[in-house]
Amino acid sequence: MSTQDKEAGHVLHQRYERPEPQSPASNQDDISAAIIGIRSRLDQLSSINADTIFTPGGPQSRYHAIVEEAYAALGLLETHIDELRTELEYQHKRLDEIRDAALVEQVEEER
């Protein structure tokens, strides 16, 4: 590979910087906890009905807070999905660049 090709590859690589990695176990724990949290809050919300909406002391008395907690957990999941999307896009572009550079080199060698 020529120096010019290496420099071009380096410039392309800089445009698609890899996101900061997080511990897979930590990500899995966060994702699992968020899913469990959402499911728990949905169960609480589904237990509320017209007969219990005004009963003091139960989940119905704080259903707005439960909804907000569920949305916060959902936001955490969305953040993790965005991080996965970014990593996938990075890997896709990185491999496309490697393939393209190898094809250029192969064509130049055949000349």
PDB file of N, CA and C in Angstrom:
ATOM      1  N   MET A   1       0.853  -1.170   0.000  1.00  0.00           N
ATOM      2  CA  MET A   1       0.000   0.000   0.000  1.00  0.00           C
ATOM      3  C   MET A   1       0.898   1.231   0.000  1.00  0.00           C
ATOM      4  N   SER A   2       0.582   2.177  -0.839  1.00  0.00           N
ATOM      5  CA  SER A   2       1.401   3.383  -0.939  1.00  0.00           C
ATOM      6  C   SER A   2       1.180   4.285   0.270  1.00  0.00           C
ATOM      7  N   THR A   3       2.114   5.220   0.473  1.00  0.00           N
ATOM      8  CA  THR A   3       2.008   6.174   1.577  1.00  0.00           C
ATOM      9  C   THR A   3       0.758   7.020   1.417  1.00  0.00           C
ATOM     10  N   GLN A   4       0.457   7.378   0.184  1.00  0.00           N
ATOM     11  CA  GLN A   4      -0.732   8.190  -0.078  1.00  0.00           C
ATOM     12  C   GLN A   4      -2.002   7.432   0.305  1.00  0.00           C
ATOM     13  N   ASP A   5      -2.056   6.124  -0.027  1.00  0.00           N
ATOM     14  CA  ASP A   5      -3.218   5.318   0.338  1.00  0.00           C
ATOM     15  C   ASP A   5      -3.351   5.202   1.855  1.00  0.00           C
ATOM     16  N   LYS A   6      -2.220   5.034   2.535  1.00  0.00           N
ATOM     17  CA  LYS A   6      -2.254   4.934   3.998  1.00  0.00           C
ATOM     18  C   LYS A   6      -2.762   6.227   4.612  1.00  0.00           C
ATOM     19  N   GLU A   7      -2.282   7.364   4.073  1.00  0.00           N
ATOM     20  CA  GLU A   7      -2.729   8.656   4.593  1.00  0.00           C
ATOM     21  C   GLU A   7      -4.219   8.863   4.332  1.00  0.00           C
ATOM     22  N   ALA A   8      -4.684   8.475   3.162  1.00  0.00           N
ATOM     23  CA  ALA A   8      -6.105   8.602   2.835  1.00  0.00           C
ATOM     24  C   ALA A   8      -6.937   7.724   3.755  1.00  0.00           C
ATOM     25  N   GLY A   9      -6.469   6.509   4.010  1.00  0.00           N
ATOM     26  CA  GLY A   9      -7.176   5.611   4.923  1.00  0.00           C
ATOM     27  C   GLY A   9      -7.224   6.173   6.322  1.00  0.00           C
ATOM     28  N   HIS A  10      -6.122   6.808   6.760  1.00  0.00           N
ATOM     29  CA  HIS A  10      -6.073   7.400   8.094  1.00  0.00           C
ATOM     30  C   HIS A  10      -7.066   8.559   8.194  1.00  0.00           C
ATOM     31  N   VAL A  11      -7.136   9.383   7.169  1.00  0.00           N
ATOM     32  CA  VAL A  11      -8.073  10.508   7.161  1.00  0.00           C
ATOM     33  C   VAL A  11      -9.506   9.992   7.195  1.00  0.00           C
ATOM     34  N   LEU A  12      -9.803   8.966   6.403  1.00  0.00           N
ATOM     35  CA  LEU A  12     -11.145   8.405   6.404  1.00  0.00           C
ATOM     36  C   LEU A  12     -11.477   7.819   7.769  1.00  0.00           C
ATOM     37  N   HIS A  13     -10.501   7.136   8.361  1.00  0.00           N
ATOM     38  CA  HIS A  13     -10.724   6.528   9.664  1.00  0.00           C
ATOM     39  C   HIS A  13     -11.011   7.599  10.717  1.00  0.00           C
ATOM     40  N   GLN A  14     -10.370   8.736  10.627  1.00  0.00           N
ATOM     41  CA  GLN A  14     -10.589   9.806  11.592  1.00  0.00           C
ATOM     42  C   GLN A  14     -12.006  10.364  11.499  1.00  0.00           C
ATOM     43  N   ARG A  15     -12.601  10.335  10.335  1.00  0.00           N
ATOM     44  CA  ARG A  15     -13.953  10.856  10.172  1.00  0.00           C
ATOM     45  C   ARG A  15     -14.981   9.985  10.893  1.00  0.00           C
ATOM     46  N   TYR A  16     -14.682   8.720  11.033  1.00  0.00           N
ATOM     47  CA  TYR A  16     -15.612   7.775  11.641  1.00  0.00           C
ATOM     48  C   TYR A  16     -15.001   7.213  12.916  1.00  0.00           C
ATOM     49  N   GLU A  17     -14.800   8.084  13.877  1.00  0.00           N
ATOM     50  CA  GLU A  17     -14.176   7.658  15.115  1.00  0.00           C
ATOM     51  C   GLU A  17     -15.079   6.685  15.855  1.00  0.00           C
ATOM     52  N   ARG A  18     -14.438   5.691  16.416  1.00  0.00           N
ATOM     53  CA  ARG A  18     -15.151   4.675  17.158  1.00  0.00           C
ATOM     54  C   ARG A  18     -15.660   5.265  18.471  1.00  0.00           C
ATOM     55  N   PRO A  19     -16.901   4.939  18.838  1.00  0.00           N
ATOM     56  CA  PRO A  19     -17.420   5.444  20.105  1.00  0.00           C
ATOM     57  C   PRO A  19     -16.681   4.801  21.276  1.00  0.00           C
ATOM     58  N   GLU A  20     -16.721   5.467  22.426  1.00  0.00           N
ATOM     59  CA  GLU A  20     -16.078   4.929  23.621  1.00  0.00           C
ATOM     60  C   GLU A  20     -16.758   3.628  24.013  1.00  0.00           C
ATOM     61  N   PRO A  21     -15.976   2.558  24.171  1.00  0.00           N
ATOM     62  CA  PRO A  21     -16.597   1.281  24.544  1.00  0.00           C
ATOM     63  C   PRO A  21     -16.991   1.273  26.015  1.00  0.00           C
ATOM     64  N   GLN A  22     -18.068   0.567  26.300  1.00  0.00           N
ATOM     65  CA  GLN A  22     -18.479   0.348  27.675  1.00  0.00           C
ATOM     66  C   GLN A  22     -18.399  -1.142  27.925  1.00  0.00           C
ATOM     67  N   SER A  23     -18.345  -1.502  29.173  1.00  0.00           N
ATOM     68  CA  SER A  23     -18.288  -2.904  29.542  1.00  0.00           C
ATOM     69  C   SER A  23     -19.553  -3.609  29.062  1.00  0.00           C
ATOM     70  N   PRO A  24     -19.419  -4.709  28.296  1.00  0.00           N
ATOM     71  CA  PRO A  24     -20.617  -5.434  27.837  1.00  0.00           C
ATOM     72  C   PRO A  24     -21.481  -5.905  29.008  1.00  0.00           C
ATOM     73  N   ALA A  25     -20.838  -6.333  30.096  1.00  0.00           N
ATOM     74  CA  ALA A  25     -21.608  -6.791  31.254  1.00  0.00           C
ATOM     75  C   ALA A  25     -22.395  -5.631  31.855  1.00  0.00           C
ATOM     76  N   SER A  26     -21.769  -4.457  31.928  1.00  0.00           N
ATOM     77  CA  SER A  26     -22.439  -3.277  32.457  1.00  0.00           C
ATOM     78  C   SER A  26     -23.621  -2.888  31.576  1.00  0.00           C
ATOM     79  N   ASN A  27     -23.412  -2.908  30.262  1.00  0.00           N
ATOM     80  CA  ASN A  27     -24.501  -2.607  29.331  1.00  0.00           C
ATOM     81  C   ASN A  27     -25.644  -3.592  29.500  1.00  0.00           C
ATOM     82  N   GLN A  28     -25.318  -4.872  29.579  1.00  0.00           N
ATOM     83  CA  GLN A  28     -26.345  -5.901  29.717  1.00  0.00           C
ATOM     84  C   GLN A  28     -27.122  -5.702  31.015  1.00  0.00           C
ATOM     85  N   ASP A  29     -26.412  -5.397  32.106  1.00  0.00           N
ATOM     86  CA  ASP A  29     -27.072  -5.174  33.389  1.00  0.00           C
ATOM     87  C   ASP A  29     -28.003  -3.969  33.318  1.00  0.00           C
ATOM     88  N   ASP A  30     -27.526  -2.889  32.709  1.00  0.00           N
ATOM     89  CA  ASP A  30     -28.348  -1.680  32.574  1.00  0.00           C
ATOM     90  C   ASP A  30     -29.590  -1.957  31.733  1.00  0.00           C
ATOM     91  N   ILE A  31     -29.398  -2.665  30.634  1.00  0.00           N
ATOM     92  CA  ILE A  31     -30.512  -2.974  29.739  1.00  0.00           C
ATOM     93  C   ILE A  31     -31.518  -3.870  30.440  1.00  0.00           C
ATOM     94  N   SER A  32     -31.026  -4.901  31.115  1.00  0.00           N
ATOM     95  CA  SER A  32     -31.924  -5.812  31.834  1.00  0.00           C
ATOM     96  C   SER A  32     -32.700  -5.076  32.914  1.00  0.00           C
ATOM     97  N   ALA A  33     -32.005  -4.237  33.675  1.00  0.00           N
ATOM     98  CA  ALA A  33     -32.666  -3.479  34.741  1.00  0.00           C
ATOM     99  C   ALA A  33     -33.715  -2.529  34.162  1.00  0.00           C
ATOM    100  N   ALA A  34     -33.401  -1.901  33.040  1.00  0.00           N
ATOM    101  CA  ALA A  34     -34.356  -0.979  32.421  1.00  0.00           C
ATOM    102  C   ALA A  34     -35.598  -1.722  31.941  1.00  0.00           C
ATOM    103  N   ILE A  35     -35.410  -2.874  31.329  1.00  0.00           N
ATOM    104  CA  ILE A  35     -36.557  -3.658  30.853  1.00  0.00           C
ATOM    105  C   ILE A  35     -37.412  -4.118  32.029  1.00  0.00           C
ATOM    106  N   ILE A  36     -36.757  -4.620  33.075  1.00  0.00           N
ATOM    107  CA  ILE A  36     -37.496  -5.054  34.267  1.00  0.00           C
ATOM    108  C   ILE A  36     -38.252  -3.868  34.875  1.00  0.00           C
ATOM    109  N   GLY A  37     -37.586  -2.706  34.925  1.00  0.00           N
ATOM    110  CA  GLY A  37     -38.224  -1.509  35.477  1.00  0.00           C
ATOM    111  C   GLY A  37     -39.436  -1.078  34.671  1.00  0.00           C
ATOM    112  N   ILE A  38     -39.311  -1.105  33.362  1.00  0.00           N
ATOM    113  CA  ILE A  38     -40.444  -0.724  32.506  1.00  0.00           C
ATOM    114  C   ILE A  38     -41.588  -1.713  32.705  1.00  0.00           C
ATOM    115  N   ARG A  39     -41.261  -3.003  32.678  1.00  0.00           N
ATOM    116  CA  ARG A  39     -42.302  -4.028  32.834  1.00  0.00           C
ATOM    117  C   ARG A  39     -43.014  -3.869  34.186  1.00  0.00           C
ATOM    118  N   SER A  40     -42.257  -3.627  35.249  1.00  0.00           N
ATOM    119  CA  SER A  40     -42.832  -3.447  36.580  1.00  0.00           C
ATOM    120  C   SER A  40     -43.784  -2.249  36.611  1.00  0.00           C
ATOM    121  N   ARG A  41     -43.353  -1.153  36.009  1.00  0.00           N
ATOM    122  CA  ARG A  41     -44.192   0.041  36.007  1.00  0.00           C
ATOM    123  C   ARG A  41     -45.431  -0.134  35.129  1.00  0.00           C
ATOM    124  N   LEU A  42     -45.271  -0.847  34.035  1.00  0.00           N
ATOM    125  CA  LEU A  42     -46.443  -1.132  33.199  1.00  0.00           C
ATOM    126  C   LEU A  42     -47.437  -2.014  33.952  1.00  0.00           C
ATOM    127  N   ASP A  43     -46.923  -2.979  34.723  1.00  0.00           N
ATOM    128  CA  ASP A  43     -47.800  -3.821  35.535  1.00  0.00           C
ATOM    129  C   ASP A  43     -48.551  -2.980  36.570  1.00  0.00           C
ATOM    130  N   GLN A  44     -47.818  -2.045  37.205  1.00  0.00           N
ATOM    131  CA  GLN A  44     -48.464  -1.164  38.176  1.00  0.00           C
ATOM    132  C   GLN A  44     -49.550  -0.326  37.513  1.00  0.00           C
ATOM    133  N   LEU A  45     -49.222   0.229  36.353  1.00  0.00           N
ATOM    134  CA  LEU A  45     -50.195   1.072  35.658  1.00  0.00           C
ATOM    135  C   LEU A  45     -51.408   0.266  35.202  1.00  0.00           C
ATOM    136  N   SER A  46     -51.176  -0.966  34.751  1.00  0.00           N
ATOM    137  CA  SER A  46     -52.303  -1.771  34.273  1.00  0.00           C
ATOM    138  C   SER A  46     -53.215  -2.209  35.412  1.00  0.00           C
ATOM    139  N   SER A  47     -52.713  -2.178  36.654  1.00  0.00           N
ATOM    140  CA  SER A  47     -53.551  -2.557  37.794  1.00  0.00           C
ATOM    141  C   SER A  47     -54.534  -1.450  38.174  1.00  0.00           C
ATOM    142  N   ILE A  48     -54.313  -0.275  37.647  1.00  0.00           N
ATOM    143  CA  ILE A  48     -55.188   0.856  37.958  1.00  0.00           C
ATOM    144  C   ILE A  48     -56.382   0.829  37.012  1.00  0.00           C
ATOM    145  N   ASN A  49     -57.574   0.960  37.584  1.00  0.00           N
ATOM    146  CA  ASN A  49     -58.777   1.002  36.756  1.00  0.00           C
ATOM    147  C   ASN A  49     -59.730   2.053  37.305  1.00  0.00           C
ATOM    148  N   ALA A  50     -60.886   2.157  36.709  1.00  0.00           N
ATOM    149  CA  ALA A  50     -61.846   3.200  37.099  1.00  0.00           C
ATOM    150  C   ALA A  50     -62.284   3.044  38.556  1.00  0.00           C
ATOM    151  N   ASP A  51     -62.319   1.804  39.043  1.00  0.00           N
ATOM    152  CA  ASP A  51     -62.748   1.579  40.427  1.00  0.00           C
ATOM    153  C   ASP A  51     -61.689   1.985  41.447  1.00  0.00           C
ATOM    154  N   THR A  52     -60.416   1.958  41.040  1.00  0.00           N
ATOM    155  CA  THR A  52     -59.342   2.216  42.004  1.00  0.00           C
ATOM    156  C   THR A  52     -58.618   3.540  41.786  1.00  0.00           C
ATOM    157  N   ILE A  53     -58.992   4.287  40.783  1.00  0.00           N
ATOM    158  CA  ILE A  53     -58.243   5.493  40.427  1.00  0.00           C
ATOM    159  C   ILE A  53     -58.191   6.510  41.576  1.00  0.00           C
ATOM    160  N   PHE A  54     -59.198   6.543  42.432  1.00  0.00           N
ATOM    161  CA  PHE A  54     -59.216   7.518  43.531  1.00  0.00           C
ATOM    162  C   PHE A  54     -58.967   6.890  44.900  1.00  0.00           C
ATOM    163  N   THR A  55     -58.592   5.611  44.930  1.00  0.00           N
ATOM    164  CA  THR A  55     -58.296   4.964  46.210  1.00  0.00           C
ATOM    165  C   THR A  55     -56.950   5.470  46.708  1.00  0.00           C
ATOM    166  N   PRO A  56     -56.915   6.049  47.918  1.00  0.00           N
ATOM    167  CA  PRO A  56     -55.651   6.595  48.432  1.00  0.00           C
ATOM    168  C   PRO A  56     -54.647   5.495  48.787  1.00  0.00           C
ATOM    169  N   GLY A  57     -53.372   5.801  48.597  1.00  0.00           N
ATOM    170  CA  GLY A  57     -52.306   4.918  49.052  1.00  0.00           C
ATOM    171  C   GLY A  57     -51.812   3.888  48.059  1.00  0.00           C
ATOM    172  N   GLY A  58     -52.481   3.682  46.983  1.00  0.00           N
ATOM    173  CA  GLY A  58     -52.045   2.690  46.011  1.00  0.00           C
ATOM    174  C   GLY A  58     -51.292   3.336  44.860  1.00  0.00           C
ATOM    175  N   PRO A  59     -50.955   2.520  43.855  1.00  0.00           N
ATOM    176  CA  PRO A  59     -50.204   3.072  42.725  1.00  0.00           C
ATOM    177  C   PRO A  59     -50.966   4.170  41.990  1.00  0.00           C
ATOM    178  N   GLN A  60     -52.286   4.145  42.089  1.00  0.00           N
ATOM    179  CA  GLN A  60     -53.087   5.154  41.414  1.00  0.00           C
ATOM    180  C   GLN A  60     -52.813   6.551  41.943  1.00  0.00           C
ATOM    181  N   SER A  61     -52.382   6.655  43.205  1.00  0.00           N
ATOM    182  CA  SER A  61     -52.116   7.971  43.781  1.00  0.00           C
ATOM    183  C   SER A  61     -50.840   8.593  43.219  1.00  0.00           C
ATOM    184  N   ARG A  62     -50.001   7.773  42.573  1.00  0.00           N
ATOM    185  CA  ARG A  62     -48.770   8.314  42.006  1.00  0.00           C
ATOM    186  C   ARG A  62     -48.539   7.836  40.567  1.00  0.00           C
ATOM    187  N   TYR A  63     -49.621   7.631  39.835  1.00  0.00           N
ATOM    188  CA  TYR A  63     -49.450   7.087  38.493  1.00  0.00           C
ATOM    189  C   TYR A  63     -48.668   7.996  37.559  1.00  0.00           C
ATOM    190  N   HIS A  64     -48.733   9.314  37.757  1.00  0.00           N
ATOM    191  CA  HIS A  64     -47.927  10.211  36.916  1.00  0.00           C
ATOM    192  C   HIS A  64     -46.437   9.968  37.148  1.00  0.00           C
ATOM    193  N   ALA A  65     -46.052   9.773  38.400  1.00  0.00           N
ATOM    194  CA  ALA A  65     -44.643   9.481  38.719  1.00  0.00           C
ATOM    195  C   ALA A  65     -44.231   8.129  38.127  1.00  0.00           C
ATOM    196  N   ILE A  66     -45.122   7.160  38.171  1.00  0.00           N
ATOM    197  CA  ILE A  66     -44.824   5.837  37.606  1.00  0.00           C
ATOM    198  C   ILE A  66     -44.609   5.952  36.096  1.00  0.00           C
ATOM    199  N   VAL A  67     -45.454   6.735  35.445  1.00  0.00           N
ATOM    200  CA  VAL A  67     -45.303   6.954  33.998  1.00  0.00           C
ATOM    201  C   VAL A  67     -43.952   7.608  33.710  1.00  0.00           C
ATOM    202  N   GLU A  68     -43.588   8.618  34.477  1.00  0.00           N
ATOM    203  CA  GLU A  68     -42.304   9.304  34.274  1.00  0.00           C
ATOM    204  C   GLU A  68     -41.130   8.357  34.492  1.00  0.00           C
ATOM    205  N   GLU A  69     -41.226   7.491  35.506  1.00  0.00           N
ATOM    206  CA  GLU A  69     -40.165   6.512  35.755  1.00  0.00           C
ATOM    207  C   GLU A  69     -40.028   5.550  34.577  1.00  0.00           C
ATOM    208  N   ALA A  70     -41.154   5.129  34.031  1.00  0.00           N
ATOM    209  CA  ALA A  70     -41.125   4.223  32.877  1.00  0.00           C
ATOM    210  C   ALA A  70     -40.488   4.913  31.670  1.00  0.00           C
ATOM    211  N   TYR A  71     -40.833   6.167  31.439  1.00  0.00           N
ATOM    212  CA  TYR A  71     -40.221   6.899  30.329  1.00  0.00           C
ATOM    213  C   TYR A  71     -38.712   7.076  30.535  1.00  0.00           C
ATOM    214  N   ALA A  72     -38.294   7.294  31.776  1.00  0.00           N
ATOM    215  CA  ALA A  72     -36.859   7.434  32.060  1.00  0.00           C
ATOM    216  C   ALA A  72     -36.130   6.125  31.746  1.00  0.00           C
ATOM    217  N   ALA A  73     -36.710   4.999  32.131  1.00  0.00           N
ATOM    218  CA  ALA A  73     -36.102   3.697  31.833  1.00  0.00           C
ATOM    219  C   ALA A  73     -36.080   3.452  30.320  1.00  0.00           C
ATOM    220  N   LEU A  74     -37.131   3.854  29.648  1.00  0.00           N
ATOM    221  CA  LEU A  74     -37.182   3.714  28.192  1.00  0.00           C
ATOM    222  C   LEU A  74     -36.099   4.567  27.534  1.00  0.00           C
ATOM    223  N   GLY A  75     -35.867   5.745  28.075  1.00  0.00           N
ATOM    224  CA  GLY A  75     -34.812   6.616  27.556  1.00  0.00           C
ATOM    225  C   GLY A  75     -33.444   5.957  27.679  1.00  0.00           C
ATOM    226  N   LEU A  76     -33.217   5.238  28.773  1.00  0.00           N
ATOM    227  CA  LEU A  76     -31.960   4.513  28.946  1.00  0.00           C
ATOM    228  C   LEU A  76     -31.802   3.448  27.855  1.00  0.00           C
ATOM    229  N   LEU A  77     -32.870   2.730  27.577  1.00  0.00           N
ATOM    230  CA  LEU A  77     -32.818   1.726  26.505  1.00  0.00           C
ATOM    231  C   LEU A  77     -32.534   2.384  25.156  1.00  0.00           C
ATOM    232  N   GLU A  78     -33.181   3.492  24.896  1.00  0.00           N
ATOM    233  CA  GLU A  78     -32.959   4.192  23.632  1.00  0.00           C
ATOM    234  C   GLU A  78     -31.513   4.646  23.507  1.00  0.00           C
ATOM    235  N   THR A  79     -30.917   5.081  24.618  1.00  0.00           N
ATOM    236  CA  THR A  79     -29.512   5.478  24.609  1.00  0.00           C
ATOM    237  C   THR A  79     -28.623   4.295  24.247  1.00  0.00           C
ATOM    238  N   HIS A  80     -28.881   3.148  24.836  1.00  0.00           N
ATOM    239  CA  HIS A  80     -28.094   1.952  24.524  1.00  0.00           C
ATOM    240  C   HIS A  80     -28.275   1.530  23.061  1.00  0.00           C
ATOM    241  N   ILE A  81     -29.489   1.629  22.568  1.00  0.00           N
ATOM    242  CA  ILE A  81     -29.737   1.290  21.162  1.00  0.00           C
ATOM    243  C   ILE A  81     -28.986   2.257  20.248  1.00  0.00           C
ATOM    244  N   ASP A  82     -28.984   3.539  20.590  1.00  0.00           N
ATOM    245  CA  ASP A  82     -28.225   4.520  19.805  1.00  0.00           C
ATOM    246  C   ASP A  82     -26.734   4.203  19.812  1.00  0.00           C
ATOM    247  N   GLU A  83     -26.211   3.781  20.966  1.00  0.00           N
ATOM    248  CA  GLU A  83     -24.792   3.410  21.047  1.00  0.00           C
ATOM    249  C   GLU A  83     -24.496   2.195  20.171  1.00  0.00           C
ATOM    250  N   LEU A  84     -25.391   1.218  20.190  1.00  0.00           N
ATOM    251  CA  LEU A  84     -25.212   0.040  19.327  1.00  0.00           C
ATOM    252  C   LEU A  84     -25.270   0.426  17.852  1.00  0.00           C
ATOM    253  N   ARG A  85     -26.193   1.319  17.515  1.00  0.00           N
ATOM    254  CA  ARG A  85     -26.311   1.784  16.124  1.00  0.00           C
ATOM    255  C   ARG A  85     -25.026   2.484  15.686  1.00  0.00           C
ATOM    256  N   THR A  86     -24.484   3.326  16.570  1.00  0.00           N
ATOM    257  CA  THR A  86     -23.245   4.039  16.265  1.00  0.00           C
ATOM    258  C   THR A  86     -22.098   3.065  16.054  1.00  0.00           C
ATOM    259  N   GLU A  87     -21.996   2.063  16.913  1.00  0.00           N
ATOM    260  CA  GLU A  87     -20.937   1.054  16.770  1.00  0.00           C
ATOM    261  C   GLU A  87     -21.100   0.275  15.467  1.00  0.00           C
ATOM    262  N   LEU A  88     -22.321  -0.103  15.124  1.00  0.00           N
ATOM    263  CA  LEU A  88     -22.570  -0.827  13.881  1.00  0.00           C
ATOM    264  C   LEU A  88     -22.204   0.032  12.672  1.00  0.00           C
ATOM    265  N   GLU A  89     -22.587   1.294  12.685  1.00  0.00           N
ATOM    266  CA  GLU A  89     -22.250   2.194  11.580  1.00  0.00           C
ATOM    267  C   GLU A  89     -20.739   2.354  11.464  1.00  0.00           C
ATOM    268  N   TYR A  90     -20.072   2.484  12.598  1.00  0.00           N
ATOM    269  CA  TYR A  90     -18.611   2.602  12.595  1.00  0.00           C
ATOM    270  C   TYR A  90     -17.978   1.365  11.957  1.00  0.00           C
ATOM    271  N   GLN A  91     -18.390   0.185  12.393  1.00  0.00           N
ATOM    272  CA  GLN A  91     -17.808  -1.056  11.870  1.00  0.00           C
ATOM    273  C   GLN A  91     -18.105  -1.207  10.378  1.00  0.00           C
ATOM    274  N   HIS A  92     -19.305  -0.862   9.971  1.00  0.00           N
ATOM    275  CA  HIS A  92     -19.682  -0.950   8.564  1.00  0.00           C
ATOM    276  C   HIS A  92     -18.781  -0.056   7.703  1.00  0.00           C
ATOM    277  N   LYS A  93     -18.639   1.193   8.103  1.00  0.00           N
ATOM    278  CA  LYS A  93     -17.818   2.133   7.339  1.00  0.00           C
ATOM    279  C   LYS A  93     -16.347   1.734   7.364  1.00  0.00           C
ATOM    280  N   ARG A  94     -15.882   1.270   8.519  1.00  0.00           N
ATOM    281  CA  ARG A  94     -14.486   0.852   8.645  1.00  0.00           C
ATOM    282  C   ARG A  94     -14.188  -0.307   7.683  1.00  0.00           C
ATOM    283  N   LEU A  95     -15.064  -1.275   7.647  1.00  0.00           N
ATOM    284  CA  LEU A  95     -14.846  -2.427   6.777  1.00  0.00           C
ATOM    285  C   LEU A  95     -15.001  -2.065   5.301  1.00  0.00           C
ATOM    286  N   ASP A  96     -15.941  -1.178   4.990  1.00  0.00           N
ATOM    287  CA  ASP A  96     -16.063  -0.701   3.603  1.00  0.00           C
ATOM    288  C   ASP A  96     -14.779  -0.015   3.154  1.00  0.00           C
ATOM    289  N   GLU A  97     -14.184   0.792   4.033  1.00  0.00           N
ATOM    290  CA  GLU A  97     -12.939   1.485   3.696  1.00  0.00           C
ATOM    291  C   GLU A  97     -11.802   0.493   3.471  1.00  0.00           C
ATOM    292  N   ILE A  98     -11.715  -0.508   4.315  1.00  0.00           N
ATOM    293  CA  ILE A  98     -10.672  -1.529   4.158  1.00  0.00           C
ATOM    294  C   ILE A  98     -10.859  -2.261   2.835  1.00  0.00           C
ATOM    295  N   ARG A  99     -12.088  -2.657   2.536  1.00  0.00           N
ATOM    296  CA  ARG A  99     -12.374  -3.353   1.283  1.00  0.00           C
ATOM    297  C   ARG A  99     -12.044  -2.478   0.083  1.00  0.00           C
ATOM    298  N   ASP A 100     -12.469  -1.209   0.127  1.00  0.00           N
ATOM    299  CA  ASP A 100     -12.216  -0.307  -0.999  1.00  0.00           C
ATOM    300  C   ASP A 100     -10.717  -0.103  -1.220  1.00  0.00           C
ATOM    301  N   ALA A 101      -9.980   0.071  -0.131  1.00  0.00           N
ATOM    302  CA  ALA A 101      -8.531   0.251  -0.250  1.00  0.00           C
ATOM    303  C   ALA A 101      -7.876  -1.004  -0.818  1.00  0.00           C
ATOM    304  N   ALA A 102      -8.330  -2.177  -0.384  1.00  0.00           N
ATOM    305  CA  ALA A 102      -7.774  -3.432  -0.895  1.00  0.00           C
ATOM    306  C   ALA A 102      -8.097  -3.607  -2.373  1.00  0.00           C
ATOM    307  N   LEU A 103      -9.291  -3.210  -2.790  1.00  0.00           N
ATOM    308  CA  LEU A 103      -9.663  -3.308  -4.210  1.00  0.00           C
ATOM    309  C   LEU A 103      -8.810  -2.379  -5.062  1.00  0.00           C
ATOM    310  N   VAL A 104      -8.576  -1.156  -4.583  1.00  0.00           N
ATOM    311  CA  VAL A 104      -7.730  -0.208  -5.314  1.00  0.00           C
ATOM    312  C   VAL A 104      -6.327  -0.783  -5.452  1.00  0.00           C
ATOM    313  N   GLU A 105      -5.807  -1.320  -4.366  1.00  0.00           N
ATOM    314  CA  GLU A 105      -4.469  -1.907  -4.391  1.00  0.00           C
ATOM    315  C   GLU A 105      -4.414  -3.087  -5.356  1.00  0.00           C
ATOM    316  N   GLN A 106      -5.445  -3.907  -5.360  1.00  0.00           N
ATOM    317  CA  GLN A 106      -5.479  -5.073  -6.257  1.00  0.00           C
ATOM    318  C   GLN A 106      -5.515  -4.627  -7.721  1.00  0.00           C
ATOM    319  N   VAL A 107      -6.308  -3.621  -8.030  1.00  0.00           N
ATOM    320  CA  VAL A 107      -6.405  -3.116  -9.390  1.00  0.00           C
ATOM    321  C   VAL A 107      -5.069  -2.527  -9.836  1.00  0.00           C
ATOM    322  N   GLU A 108      -4.412  -1.789  -8.927  1.00  0.00           N
ATOM    323  CA  GLU A 108      -3.111  -1.197  -9.261  1.00  0.00           C
ATOM    324  C   GLU A 108      -2.053  -2.279  -9.495  1.00  0.00           C
ATOM    325  N   GLU A 109      -2.103  -3.351  -8.744  1.00  0.00           N
ATOM    326  CA  GLU A 109      -1.156  -4.452  -8.911  1.00  0.00           C
ATOM    327  C   GLU A 109      -1.356  -5.190 -10.227  1.00  0.00           C
ATOM    328  N   GLU A 110      -2.618  -5.229 -10.703  1.00  0.00           N
ATOM    329  CA  GLU A 110      -2.917  -5.929 -11.946  1.00  0.00           C
ATOM    330  C   GLU A 110      -2.492  -5.121 -13.168  1.00  0.00           C
ATOM    331  N   ARG A 111      -2.237  -3.843 -13.017  1.00  0.00           N
ATOM    332  CA  ARG A 111      -1.846  -2.999 -14.159  1.00  0.00           C
ATOM    333  C   ARG A 111      -0.449  -3.248 -14.560  1.00  0.00           C
TER     334      ARG A 111
END
